[in-house]
Amino acid sequence: MHQSLANKIMVIILCVSMSYGCAFAATVSEDATGFESDNPNAISSNATDNVAPMTPEEMNIQEGLANGQVFGQLDGSIEGRAHQLEGYDISYGNLILGDYAIIAKYNLAVEDYNYRVNFIKAYKSYYEIAYNSAYRSASLLKIATPVNNGRTYGLQAGKVEGKVAAMKDYYQNRYNNWERAYNEFLNSKTLNTRYALDAESIDYGLSFRTAFEEGFYLSYYETFQKEKLDVAIRNRTSELVTGNKTILKYDDVLVDFSGGSSSSKTEVPVMIDIPDAAIYTPTYLSLYKNENLHLENEVLESASSKFVVEVDNVNRSMDLNKPLRLIFTFKGSENAGIYKWENNKWFYQITEFKEDSIYTEIPKGTYTGGEYIVLIDPENSSYTDMRFNWAAKEINALKRRGYLEDELTFRPTNFITKLEMARMLYKVYANSEMDGLTFRYTIRDDDIDPNDFKYINYVLNNNYMMLDAEGKFNPNDTVQYQEVETIMSTVLMRPFSWNDVADKMLREKYKRSRGSESISRPIFRDEFAYIMYLYDDLK
């Protein structure tokens, strides 16, 4: 701003000086030889015979007035605004610089008397005018700023909440009614509470609330109608699921251009196979594409678009009596798999391969929808001793989720040791924030690797396991089925019976557990890993 003002001042001074110079030059109509100019556009001496040249005294007076005005306005505007912001009363402008101070500041002592006198005269007059104007402008700005900011931020917040409300109403099959949505929003929590308006000025709060309602209204209608348009352009497939077998397909329309003409074809990149009697209450199920892949910090490579499955009812959930099958069209690497976005992370789902597709099962029980994608894990490798194991799929899933060691073998039929069980519990349930775990126990075993202390302290701190009477953990001891019941009851915070797992193994895996005969026997590594897979939903 100061640079712009300085430029303005220089232009004014230059123009004043040039105007006097031009007036003087206009009196000259002949060149140095005394002859009239041959230029027909030249000013003749006859045209200026009646124009009297400006005297030096007159020039000093006019330049003094002009320059005094410029610098009086400059100083007055700066100090008027500064004094208002600093809280001075406007009468403070009476403390304008005196004559001697003005003379010293602008080096007027060496100037002509007429220039000096008129400079001071103009400076004082225009200083007061500029001071008062700047002071009042700054004062009004203090009043206008909260009002303007309240409107700006109110509109912004209203548009955000209006959009969210419209999305909720649309996907719950409700009518387009912004007033109902707005009243529901206010009933849940007032604007004063949500945006701490009680801590703001009255003017800001009033402006915010008025603008919020306007933004809510505009954004609600725009969003609601845009979502309807998205459905019309086939980005969303919705179908009423009943007790009959249904296949919900997402039709992806691909457009090709050639020679100025276009052609389109339809592909089905993903579908949901819903068997008979999977659901009894008719419910709308939707399938649509979303471009936010959540792959910013992943080593995984995308092999499909991300698709979102939504349950379109008020509760946003449905009870499945049978598993559903989510199928992706896919040909390629066996390192690929179907992943689901859970707890801000892509979680591998047990994936089966067919000739032209891969699929995973959505298990029976309460289903609330989810985000799914096909990803390739370039670092994936399988255990060499798991090919024919009854729990191979579940153990492979745990490995791809990062819960198991990246080794060549898993040793599924070995009895699991206390240390191995502690490590597995930590990997599945502790999460990364437990890396700074405080070691509260003195463990008297001599053969424990320092890297394993965090696993042992985790299970001790959570009362999953205990030290013996001598303060030893005994990391190489095996763990009996009955001990697993106690540990998992503590983990799950509800009763846990090994017989329930054994029945599931027999019914679904055709595998009989020795623990169904006696729970005093030690449990195998594959059996405990199977438990970890079944209950990997607590985080």
Protein backbone atom coordinates (compact mmCIF):
# COMPACT_ATOMS: atom_id res chain seq x y z
CA MET A 1 0.00 0.00 0.00
CA HIS A 2 2.85 2.41 0.88
CA GLN A 3 4.54 1.73 -2.44
CA SER A 4 1.33 2.56 -4.29
CA LEU A 5 0.88 5.76 -2.31
CA ALA A 6 4.49 6.79 -2.93
CA ASN A 7 3.97 6.24 -6.65
CA LYS A 8 0.86 8.41 -6.53
CA ILE A 9 2.78 11.20 -4.79
CA MET A 10 5.58 11.14 -7.35
CA VAL A 11 3.07 11.31 -10.19
CA ILE A 12 1.34 14.33 -8.64
CA ILE A 13 4.60 16.17 -8.08
CA LEU A 14 5.79 15.37 -11.60
CA CYS A 15 2.52 16.53 -13.14
CA VAL A 16 2.61 19.79 -11.19
CA SER A 17 6.16 20.45 -12.28
CA MET A 18 5.42 19.51 -15.88
CA SER A 19 2.38 21.76 -15.99
CA TYR A 20 4.50 24.78 -15.09
CA GLY A 21 7.18 23.75 -17.52
CA CYS A 22 4.65 23.33 -20.30
CA ALA A 23 3.18 26.75 -19.63
CA PHE A 24 6.63 28.23 -19.90
CA ALA A 25 7.45 26.29 -23.06
CA ALA A 26 4.19 27.40 -24.66
CA THR A 27 5.53 30.96 -24.80
CA VAL A 28 8.34 29.90 -27.10
CA SER A 29 7.26 29.78 -30.70
CA GLU A 30 10.54 30.27 -32.44
CA ASP A 31 13.68 28.15 -32.51
CA ALA A 32 17.12 29.37 -31.48
CA THR A 33 17.70 31.11 -34.82
CA GLY A 34 14.74 33.39 -34.27
CA PHE A 35 12.94 32.08 -37.35
CA GLU A 36 9.47 30.65 -37.31
CA SER A 37 9.27 26.89 -37.41
CA ASP A 38 8.48 25.16 -40.67
CA ASN A 39 6.30 22.70 -38.68
CA PRO A 40 2.68 23.58 -39.46
CA ASN A 41 1.67 22.10 -36.04
CA ALA A 42 4.05 24.30 -34.10
CA ILE A 43 2.57 26.93 -31.79
CA SER A 44 2.91 30.37 -33.32
CA SER A 45 4.02 33.36 -31.36
CA ASN A 46 0.66 34.98 -32.13
CA ALA A 47 -1.13 32.21 -30.19
CA THR A 48 0.72 32.98 -26.99
CA ASP A 49 1.06 36.73 -27.20
CA ASN A 50 -1.78 37.14 -24.66
CA VAL A 51 -0.54 34.40 -22.17
CA ALA A 52 1.58 35.85 -19.40
CA PRO A 53 4.34 33.53 -18.16
CA MET A 54 4.13 32.27 -14.55
CA THR A 55 6.48 34.09 -12.24
CA PRO A 56 8.84 32.18 -9.90
CA GLU A 57 6.89 33.50 -6.94
CA GLU A 58 3.61 32.15 -8.32
CA MET A 59 5.25 28.79 -9.06
CA ASN A 60 6.60 28.56 -5.49
CA ILE A 61 3.15 29.30 -4.09
CA GLN A 62 1.39 26.69 -6.24
CA GLU A 63 4.02 23.98 -5.68
CA GLY A 64 3.95 24.64 -1.94
CA LEU A 65 0.18 24.26 -1.84
CA ALA A 66 0.24 21.13 -4.01
CA ASN A 67 3.03 19.35 -2.12
CA GLY A 68 1.68 20.39 1.28
CA GLN A 69 -1.67 18.86 0.32
CA VAL A 70 -0.08 15.57 -0.75
CA PHE A 71 2.02 15.08 2.38
CA GLY A 72 -0.66 16.39 4.72
CA GLN A 73 -3.06 13.79 3.35
CA LEU A 74 -0.37 11.10 3.60
CA ASP A 75 0.54 11.77 7.24
CA GLY A 76 -3.04 12.44 8.31
CA SER A 77 -4.38 9.18 6.88
CA ILE A 78 -1.59 7.09 8.39
CA GLU A 79 -1.80 8.63 11.85
CA GLY A 80 -5.59 8.78 11.92
CA ARG A 81 -5.89 5.06 11.26
CA ALA A 82 -3.08 4.24 13.70
CA HIS A 83 -4.54 6.34 16.51
CA GLN A 84 -7.99 4.78 16.11
CA LEU A 85 -6.56 1.26 16.27
CA GLU A 86 -4.50 2.24 19.33
CA GLY A 87 -7.62 3.55 21.10
CA TYR A 88 -6.94 7.29 21.08
CA ASP A 89 -9.84 9.73 21.01
CA ILE A 90 -10.32 11.52 17.68
CA SER A 91 -9.45 14.84 19.35
CA TYR A 92 -5.90 13.55 19.43
CA GLY A 93 -5.69 14.89 15.89
CA ASN A 94 -5.30 18.35 17.40
CA LEU A 95 -1.73 17.39 18.30
CA ILE A 96 -0.66 17.95 14.71
CA LEU A 97 2.98 18.79 14.08
CA GLY A 98 3.87 22.39 14.71
CA ASP A 99 5.41 24.66 12.10
CA TYR A 100 8.96 23.99 13.19
CA ALA A 101 8.41 20.24 13.20
CA ILE A 102 6.96 20.36 9.69
CA ILE A 103 9.87 22.51 8.50
CA ALA A 104 12.36 20.04 9.97
CA LYS A 105 10.60 16.91 8.67
CA TYR A 106 10.33 18.15 5.09
CA ASN A 107 13.56 20.22 4.98
CA LEU A 108 11.68 23.45 4.35
CA ALA A 109 14.28 25.68 5.97
CA VAL A 110 16.25 25.75 2.73
CA GLU A 111 13.16 26.45 0.63
CA ASP A 112 11.74 29.74 -0.64
CA TYR A 113 9.60 31.61 1.88
CA ASN A 114 6.47 31.48 -0.29
CA TYR A 115 6.91 27.75 -0.91
CA ARG A 116 7.43 27.09 2.82
CA VAL A 117 4.49 29.15 4.04
CA ASN A 118 2.04 27.65 1.56
CA PHE A 119 3.36 24.11 2.11
CA ILE A 120 2.68 24.43 5.87
CA LYS A 121 -0.73 25.99 5.28
CA ALA A 122 -1.88 23.21 2.92
CA TYR A 123 -0.25 20.47 5.03
CA LYS A 124 -2.21 21.42 8.17
CA SER A 125 -5.54 21.76 6.40
CA TYR A 126 -5.34 18.48 4.56
CA TYR A 127 -3.75 16.64 7.49
CA GLU A 128 -6.84 17.31 9.60
CA ILE A 129 -9.20 16.27 6.81
CA ALA A 130 -7.28 13.04 6.08
CA TYR A 131 -6.81 12.27 9.78
CA ASN A 132 -10.51 12.50 10.56
CA SER A 133 -11.49 10.50 7.48
CA ALA A 134 -8.99 7.70 8.19
CA TYR A 135 -9.94 7.59 11.88
CA ARG A 136 -13.64 7.20 11.04
CA SER A 137 -12.96 4.62 8.32
CA ALA A 138 -10.95 2.50 10.74
CA SER A 139 -13.68 2.84 13.34
CA LEU A 140 -16.37 1.73 10.93
CA LEU A 141 -14.19 -1.14 9.76
CA LYS A 142 -14.16 -2.52 13.29
CA ILE A 143 -17.92 -2.65 13.19
CA ALA A 144 -18.19 -4.00 9.65
CA THR A 145 -15.55 -6.75 10.01
CA PRO A 146 -17.46 -8.99 12.47
CA VAL A 147 -20.60 -8.65 10.35
CA ASN A 148 -18.75 -9.51 7.14
CA ASN A 149 -16.85 -12.39 8.76
CA GLY A 150 -20.03 -13.72 10.32
CA ARG A 151 -21.67 -13.84 6.93
CA THR A 152 -18.65 -15.43 5.24
CA TYR A 153 -18.20 -18.17 7.82
CA GLY A 154 -21.91 -18.68 8.31
CA LEU A 155 -22.38 -19.30 4.59
CA GLN A 156 -19.43 -21.66 4.57
CA ALA A 157 -20.62 -23.73 7.51
CA GLY A 158 -24.23 -23.71 6.30
CA LYS A 159 -23.25 -25.05 2.91
CA VAL A 160 -21.28 -27.89 4.48
CA GLU A 161 -24.10 -28.94 6.80
CA GLY A 162 -26.71 -28.50 4.10
CA LYS A 163 -24.80 -30.85 1.88
CA VAL A 164 -24.50 -33.48 4.60
CA ALA A 165 -28.21 -33.22 5.43
CA ALA A 166 -29.17 -33.57 1.77
CA MET A 167 -26.97 -36.66 1.38
CA LYS A 168 -28.56 -38.27 4.44
CA ASP A 169 -32.08 -37.50 3.27
CA TYR A 170 -31.48 -38.72 -0.25
CA TYR A 171 -29.89 -42.03 0.68
CA GLN A 172 -32.62 -42.71 3.23
CA ASN A 173 -35.23 -42.20 0.51
CA ARG A 174 -36.70 -39.10 2.16
CA TYR A 175 -38.37 -36.23 0.32
CA ASN A 176 -36.52 -33.07 -0.65
CA ASN A 177 -37.41 -30.76 2.27
CA TRP A 178 -34.72 -28.41 3.52
CA GLU A 179 -36.86 -26.93 6.32
CA ARG A 180 -37.43 -30.34 7.91
CA ALA A 181 -33.72 -31.14 7.62
CA TYR A 182 -32.74 -27.74 9.03
CA ASN A 183 -35.04 -28.09 12.05
CA GLU A 184 -33.73 -31.60 12.72
CA PHE A 185 -30.21 -30.23 12.59
CA LEU A 186 -31.02 -27.45 15.09
CA ASN A 187 -32.89 -29.85 17.39
CA SER A 188 -29.80 -32.02 17.75
CA LYS A 189 -27.62 -29.04 18.77
CA THR A 190 -28.02 -25.27 18.47
CA LEU A 191 -25.81 -23.09 16.31
CA ASN A 192 -24.62 -21.22 19.41
CA THR A 193 -23.37 -24.47 20.91
CA ARG A 194 -21.90 -25.96 17.72
CA TYR A 195 -19.96 -22.86 16.70
CA ALA A 196 -19.38 -21.21 20.12
CA LEU A 197 -21.30 -18.10 19.09
CA ASP A 198 -21.85 -17.06 22.69
CA ALA A 199 -18.16 -16.15 22.79
CA GLU A 200 -18.55 -13.81 19.79
CA SER A 201 -20.05 -10.34 19.44
CA ILE A 202 -23.80 -9.94 19.01
CA ASP A 203 -23.33 -8.62 15.47
CA TYR A 204 -21.14 -11.56 14.48
CA GLY A 205 -23.58 -14.11 15.90
CA LEU A 206 -26.60 -12.57 14.18
CA SER A 207 -24.79 -12.34 10.85
CA PHE A 208 -23.50 -15.94 11.19
CA ARG A 209 -26.91 -17.42 11.97
CA THR A 210 -28.62 -15.57 9.12
CA ALA A 211 -25.98 -16.59 6.59
CA PHE A 212 -25.86 -20.18 7.90
CA GLU A 213 -29.53 -20.70 7.15
CA GLU A 214 -29.07 -19.24 3.67
CA GLY A 215 -26.04 -21.46 2.97
CA PHE A 216 -27.84 -24.52 4.32
CA TYR A 217 -30.83 -23.90 2.09
CA LEU A 218 -28.77 -23.34 -1.08
CA SER A 219 -26.43 -26.27 -0.50
CA TYR A 220 -29.21 -28.67 0.50
CA TYR A 221 -31.15 -28.15 -2.72
CA GLU A 222 -28.07 -28.24 -4.91
CA THR A 223 -26.74 -31.43 -3.33
CA PHE A 224 -30.04 -33.27 -3.24
CA GLN A 225 -30.70 -32.57 -6.91
CA LYS A 226 -27.12 -33.41 -7.92
CA GLU A 227 -27.34 -36.80 -6.23
CA LYS A 228 -30.48 -37.55 -8.17
CA LEU A 229 -28.61 -36.63 -11.33
CA ASP A 230 -25.73 -38.97 -10.43
CA VAL A 231 -28.15 -41.85 -10.20
CA ALA A 232 -29.58 -40.89 -13.56
CA ILE A 233 -26.13 -41.06 -15.15
CA ARG A 234 -25.61 -44.59 -13.84
CA ASN A 235 -23.02 -43.98 -11.16
CA ARG A 236 -25.24 -45.73 -8.66
CA THR A 237 -27.13 -48.98 -8.79
CA SER A 238 -29.86 -49.52 -6.22
CA GLU A 239 -32.13 -52.50 -5.88
CA LEU A 240 -34.80 -53.65 -3.46
CA VAL A 241 -33.51 -56.88 -1.92
CA THR A 242 -36.19 -59.34 -0.81
CA GLY A 243 -36.19 -63.02 0.11
CA ASN A 244 -35.63 -64.06 -3.51
CA LYS A 245 -32.25 -64.58 -5.15
CA THR A 246 -30.92 -61.31 -6.53
CA ILE A 247 -27.78 -60.21 -8.35
CA LEU A 248 -26.99 -56.53 -7.86
CA LYS A 249 -24.79 -55.38 -10.74
CA TYR A 250 -22.89 -52.18 -11.29
CA ASP A 251 -23.07 -51.28 -14.99
CA ASP A 252 -20.06 -49.26 -16.08
CA VAL A 253 -20.67 -47.45 -19.39
CA LEU A 254 -17.49 -46.97 -21.41
CA VAL A 255 -17.47 -44.48 -24.29
CA ASP A 256 -15.09 -44.76 -27.24
CA PHE A 257 -14.38 -41.97 -29.75
CA SER A 258 -13.23 -42.60 -33.30
CA GLY A 259 -13.33 -40.44 -36.42
CA GLY A 260 -15.58 -37.84 -34.85
CA SER A 261 -18.19 -40.36 -33.70
CA SER A 262 -18.70 -42.14 -30.38
CA SER A 263 -19.81 -45.57 -29.32
CA SER A 264 -20.49 -47.03 -25.90
CA LYS A 265 -20.33 -50.43 -24.28
CA THR A 266 -21.36 -51.71 -20.88
CA GLU A 267 -19.20 -53.75 -18.55
CA VAL A 268 -19.91 -55.19 -15.11
CA PRO A 269 -16.79 -54.69 -12.96
CA VAL A 270 -18.49 -55.73 -9.72
CA MET A 271 -21.67 -57.45 -8.54
CA ILE A 272 -23.23 -58.83 -5.37
CA ASP A 273 -24.77 -62.30 -5.46
CA ILE A 274 -27.59 -62.45 -2.90
CA PRO A 275 -28.96 -65.99 -2.37
CA ASP A 276 -32.55 -66.99 -1.55
CA ALA A 277 -33.67 -66.23 2.01
CA ALA A 278 -30.55 -64.17 2.77
CA ILE A 279 -32.76 -61.34 4.02
CA TYR A 280 -36.40 -61.32 5.07
CA THR A 281 -37.09 -57.60 5.46
CA PRO A 282 -37.15 -55.90 2.04
CA THR A 283 -34.27 -53.41 1.99
CA TYR A 284 -32.64 -51.27 -0.66
CA LEU A 285 -28.99 -52.09 -1.30
CA SER A 286 -26.86 -49.70 -3.36
CA LEU A 287 -23.57 -50.05 -5.17
CA TYR A 288 -21.60 -47.11 -6.52
CA LYS A 289 -18.10 -46.03 -7.49
CA ASN A 290 -15.95 -43.65 -5.47
CA GLU A 291 -12.60 -42.25 -6.61
CA ASN A 292 -10.98 -41.74 -3.17
CA LEU A 293 -8.84 -44.88 -2.95
CA HIS A 294 -7.08 -44.21 0.40
CA LEU A 295 -3.74 -45.34 -1.03
CA GLU A 296 -1.55 -42.37 -0.08
CA ASN A 297 0.71 -44.35 2.30
CA GLU A 298 0.23 -47.87 0.98
CA VAL A 299 2.60 -50.23 -0.83
CA LEU A 300 -0.48 -51.90 -2.26
CA GLU A 301 -1.33 -51.35 -5.92
CA SER A 302 -4.90 -50.78 -7.06
CA ALA A 303 -6.32 -53.21 -9.60
CA SER A 304 -9.87 -51.83 -9.66
CA SER A 305 -11.92 -48.80 -8.77
CA LYS A 306 -13.20 -48.48 -5.24
CA PHE A 307 -16.84 -49.46 -4.84
CA VAL A 308 -19.10 -48.62 -1.95
CA VAL A 309 -21.93 -50.85 -0.75
CA GLU A 310 -24.61 -49.00 1.18
CA VAL A 311 -27.69 -50.20 3.01
CA ASP A 312 -30.34 -47.62 2.14
CA ASN A 313 -32.65 -47.62 5.11
CA VAL A 314 -33.00 -45.46 8.20
CA ASN A 315 -30.85 -47.78 10.34
CA ARG A 316 -28.17 -48.18 7.65
CA SER A 317 -27.97 -51.88 8.45
CA MET A 318 -29.50 -55.21 7.51
CA ASP A 319 -29.55 -58.69 9.07
CA LEU A 320 -28.14 -61.38 6.79
CA ASN A 321 -29.30 -64.96 7.29
CA LYS A 322 -26.81 -66.22 4.71
CA PRO A 323 -23.48 -64.91 3.40
CA LEU A 324 -23.50 -62.68 0.32
CA ARG A 325 -20.86 -63.00 -2.38
CA LEU A 326 -19.05 -59.88 -3.60
CA ILE A 327 -17.62 -60.57 -7.05
CA PHE A 328 -15.06 -58.52 -9.01
CA THR A 329 -14.26 -59.13 -12.66
CA PHE A 330 -10.52 -59.84 -12.59
CA LYS A 331 -7.80 -61.67 -14.48
CA GLY A 332 -4.28 -61.47 -13.19
CA SER A 333 -1.86 -61.97 -10.32
CA GLU A 334 -2.61 -64.29 -7.44
CA ASN A 335 -1.08 -61.62 -5.22
CA ALA A 336 -4.32 -59.72 -5.76
CA GLY A 337 -7.09 -59.76 -3.23
CA ILE A 338 -10.29 -58.02 -2.21
CA TYR A 339 -9.79 -55.52 0.59
CA LYS A 340 -12.26 -53.71 2.84
CA TRP A 341 -11.66 -50.28 4.39
CA GLU A 342 -11.79 -50.71 8.18
CA ASN A 343 -10.33 -48.62 10.99
CA ASN A 344 -8.65 -46.29 8.48
CA LYS A 345 -6.82 -49.18 6.85
CA TRP A 346 -7.33 -51.60 3.95
CA PHE A 347 -8.05 -55.06 5.39
CA TYR A 348 -7.55 -58.15 3.27
CA GLN A 349 -10.63 -60.35 2.91
CA ILE A 350 -10.37 -64.05 2.15
CA THR A 351 -10.40 -64.08 -1.64
CA GLU A 352 -11.23 -66.96 -3.97
CA PHE A 353 -10.12 -67.06 -7.60
CA LYS A 354 -12.20 -68.21 -10.56
CA GLU A 355 -11.39 -68.10 -14.27
CA ASP A 356 -12.51 -64.52 -14.96
CA SER A 357 -13.24 -63.21 -11.48
CA ILE A 358 -12.40 -63.17 -7.80
CA TYR A 359 -14.84 -63.06 -4.91
CA THR A 360 -15.14 -62.80 -1.15
CA GLU A 361 -18.01 -63.59 1.15
CA ILE A 362 -19.84 -60.99 3.21
CA PRO A 363 -20.59 -63.04 6.35
CA LYS A 364 -24.03 -63.49 7.79
CA GLY A 365 -25.07 -61.34 10.70
CA THR A 366 -25.56 -57.57 10.90
CA TYR A 367 -24.20 -55.81 7.80
CA THR A 368 -23.74 -52.07 7.51
CA GLY A 369 -22.12 -51.86 4.09
CA GLY A 370 -18.53 -50.98 3.31
CA GLU A 371 -15.89 -49.83 0.86
CA TYR A 372 -14.17 -52.47 -1.27
CA ILE A 373 -11.34 -52.60 -3.78
CA VAL A 374 -9.05 -55.08 -5.52
CA LEU A 375 -5.42 -54.52 -4.53
CA ILE A 376 -2.19 -56.27 -5.44
CA ASP A 377 0.35 -56.87 -2.68
CA PRO A 378 3.75 -57.09 -4.39
CA GLU A 379 5.34 -58.31 -1.14
CA ASN A 380 2.86 -61.14 -0.57
CA SER A 381 4.23 -64.64 -0.03
CA SER A 382 2.56 -67.80 1.27
CA TYR A 383 3.75 -70.20 3.94
CA THR A 384 5.16 -73.32 2.36
CA ASP A 385 3.58 -75.65 4.91
CA MET A 386 0.00 -74.35 4.73
CA ARG A 387 -1.21 -75.58 1.35
CA PHE A 388 -3.40 -78.41 2.67
CA ASN A 389 -4.10 -77.07 6.15
CA TRP A 390 -7.74 -76.71 7.14
CA ALA A 391 -7.20 -73.04 8.27
CA ALA A 392 -4.96 -72.02 5.37
CA LYS A 393 -7.29 -69.22 4.18
CA GLU A 394 -7.71 -67.65 7.60
CA ILE A 395 -3.99 -67.82 8.41
CA ASN A 396 -3.11 -66.36 5.02
CA ALA A 397 -5.53 -63.50 5.70
CA LEU A 398 -3.86 -62.80 9.05
CA LYS A 399 -0.47 -62.74 7.34
CA ARG A 400 -1.65 -60.32 4.65
CA ARG A 401 -3.04 -58.07 7.37
CA GLY A 402 0.42 -57.92 8.94
CA TYR A 403 -0.32 -59.94 12.08
CA LEU A 404 1.99 -62.90 11.47
CA GLU A 405 5.74 -63.17 10.94
CA ASP A 406 7.05 -63.05 7.39
CA GLU A 407 8.70 -66.48 7.45
CA LEU A 408 8.83 -69.46 5.12
CA THR A 409 6.80 -71.75 7.38
CA PHE A 410 4.01 -71.31 9.92
CA ARG A 411 4.30 -74.70 11.70
CA PRO A 412 0.51 -75.05 12.07
CA THR A 413 0.53 -78.38 13.94
CA ASN A 414 3.04 -77.29 16.59
CA PHE A 415 1.68 -76.46 20.02
CA ILE A 416 1.63 -72.69 20.48
CA THR A 417 3.90 -71.34 23.21
CA LYS A 418 3.08 -68.56 25.66
CA LEU A 419 5.42 -66.15 23.91
CA GLU A 420 3.96 -66.94 20.48
CA MET A 421 0.46 -66.41 21.83
CA ALA A 422 1.47 -63.11 23.50
CA ARG A 423 3.00 -61.91 20.22
CA MET A 424 -0.14 -62.79 18.27
CA LEU A 425 -2.46 -61.09 20.77
CA TYR A 426 -0.32 -57.96 20.65
CA LYS A 427 -0.26 -57.85 16.83
CA VAL A 428 -4.04 -58.27 16.52
CA TYR A 429 -5.32 -56.14 19.40
CA ALA A 430 -2.67 -53.71 20.64
CA ASN A 431 -2.46 -51.32 17.64
CA SER A 432 0.54 -49.07 16.99
CA GLU A 433 -0.07 -46.73 19.94
CA MET A 434 1.03 -49.53 22.30
CA ASP A 435 4.63 -49.35 21.07
CA GLY A 436 5.41 -46.98 23.96
CA LEU A 437 4.03 -49.44 26.52
CA THR A 438 5.46 -48.99 30.05
CA PHE A 439 7.19 -52.11 31.35
CA ARG A 440 5.72 -52.49 34.85
CA TYR A 441 6.88 -56.04 35.54
CA THR A 442 10.27 -57.50 36.39
CA ILE A 443 10.49 -60.71 34.41
CA ARG A 444 13.05 -63.14 35.80
CA ASP A 445 13.41 -65.43 32.78
CA ASP A 446 16.94 -65.56 31.36
CA ASP A 447 16.16 -66.68 27.83
CA ILE A 448 13.88 -63.83 26.57
CA ASP A 449 14.90 -61.68 23.63
CA PRO A 450 14.70 -57.94 24.55
CA ASN A 451 12.46 -57.37 21.51
CA ASP A 452 9.85 -59.69 23.03
CA PHE A 453 9.39 -57.80 26.30
CA LYS A 454 6.70 -55.53 24.83
CA TYR A 455 4.56 -58.56 23.90
CA ILE A 456 4.92 -60.06 27.38
CA ASN A 457 4.22 -56.77 29.15
CA TYR A 458 1.16 -56.24 26.97
CA VAL A 459 -0.48 -59.49 28.05
CA LEU A 460 0.59 -58.96 31.67
CA ASN A 461 -0.72 -55.37 31.80
CA ASN A 462 -4.08 -56.51 30.44
CA ASN A 463 -4.29 -59.56 32.75
CA TYR A 464 -4.39 -61.94 29.80
CA MET A 465 -1.51 -63.92 31.33
CA MET A 466 0.39 -63.96 34.65
CA LEU A 467 3.89 -64.62 35.96
CA ASP A 468 4.47 -67.69 38.10
CA ALA A 469 5.33 -67.59 41.80
CA GLU A 470 9.01 -67.04 40.99
CA GLY A 471 8.30 -64.08 38.73
CA LYS A 472 8.93 -66.03 35.53
CA PHE A 473 6.89 -65.90 32.33
CA ASN A 474 8.07 -69.28 30.99
CA PRO A 475 7.86 -68.23 27.31
CA ASN A 476 8.32 -71.73 25.90
CA ASP A 477 5.53 -73.36 27.88
CA THR A 478 2.51 -74.56 25.92
CA VAL A 479 -1.02 -73.23 26.54
CA GLN A 480 -4.00 -75.44 27.26
CA TYR A 481 -7.49 -75.01 25.79
CA GLN A 482 -8.87 -74.18 29.22
CA GLU A 483 -6.26 -71.41 29.59
CA VAL A 484 -7.32 -70.08 26.19
CA GLU A 485 -10.90 -69.88 27.47
CA THR A 486 -9.73 -67.69 30.38
CA ILE A 487 -7.53 -65.51 28.17
CA MET A 488 -10.16 -64.93 25.49
CA SER A 489 -12.89 -64.28 28.05
CA THR A 490 -10.70 -61.45 29.35
CA VAL A 491 -9.93 -60.18 25.85
CA LEU A 492 -13.57 -60.25 24.71
CA MET A 493 -14.97 -59.22 28.11
CA ARG A 494 -17.59 -61.93 27.84
CA PRO A 495 -17.67 -65.72 28.36
CA PHE A 496 -15.68 -67.69 25.81
CA SER A 497 -16.02 -71.44 25.31
CA TRP A 498 -13.65 -73.49 23.20
CA ASN A 499 -16.50 -75.84 22.34
CA ASP A 500 -18.15 -73.06 20.32
CA VAL A 501 -15.02 -72.75 18.17
CA ALA A 502 -14.63 -76.53 17.93
CA ASP A 503 -18.23 -76.88 16.71
CA LYS A 504 -17.61 -74.21 14.06
CA MET A 505 -14.42 -75.98 12.93
CA LEU A 506 -16.27 -79.27 12.58
CA ARG A 507 -19.32 -77.77 10.89
CA GLU A 508 -17.55 -75.48 8.41
CA LYS A 509 -14.03 -76.91 8.11
CA TYR A 510 -14.71 -80.61 8.73
CA LYS A 511 -11.92 -80.53 11.29
CA ARG A 512 -12.27 -82.21 14.70
CA SER A 513 -10.39 -80.51 17.51
CA ARG A 514 -8.67 -82.45 20.27
CA GLY A 515 -9.93 -79.76 22.63
CA SER A 516 -13.49 -81.07 22.25
CA GLU A 517 -12.31 -84.24 24.00
CA SER A 518 -10.34 -82.57 26.77
CA ILE A 519 -9.65 -78.86 27.34
CA SER A 520 -6.64 -79.74 29.48
CA ARG A 521 -4.63 -80.50 26.34
CA PRO A 522 -2.35 -77.91 24.68
CA ILE A 523 -3.75 -75.95 21.73
CA PHE A 524 -2.17 -75.95 18.24
CA ARG A 525 -0.84 -72.85 16.46
CA ASP A 526 -3.37 -73.08 13.62
CA GLU A 527 -6.27 -73.35 16.09
CA PHE A 528 -5.29 -70.20 17.99
CA ALA A 529 -4.67 -68.32 14.71
CA TYR A 530 -8.18 -69.36 13.67
CA ILE A 531 -9.53 -67.72 16.87
CA MET A 532 -7.63 -64.53 16.05
CA TYR A 533 -9.23 -64.42 12.61
CA LEU A 534 -12.74 -65.02 13.95
CA TYR A 535 -12.44 -62.21 16.51
CA ASP A 536 -10.44 -59.66 14.51
CA ASP A 537 -13.22 -57.09 14.82
CA LEU A 538 -12.66 -55.55 18.22
CA LYS A 539 -10.51 -52.52 17.25
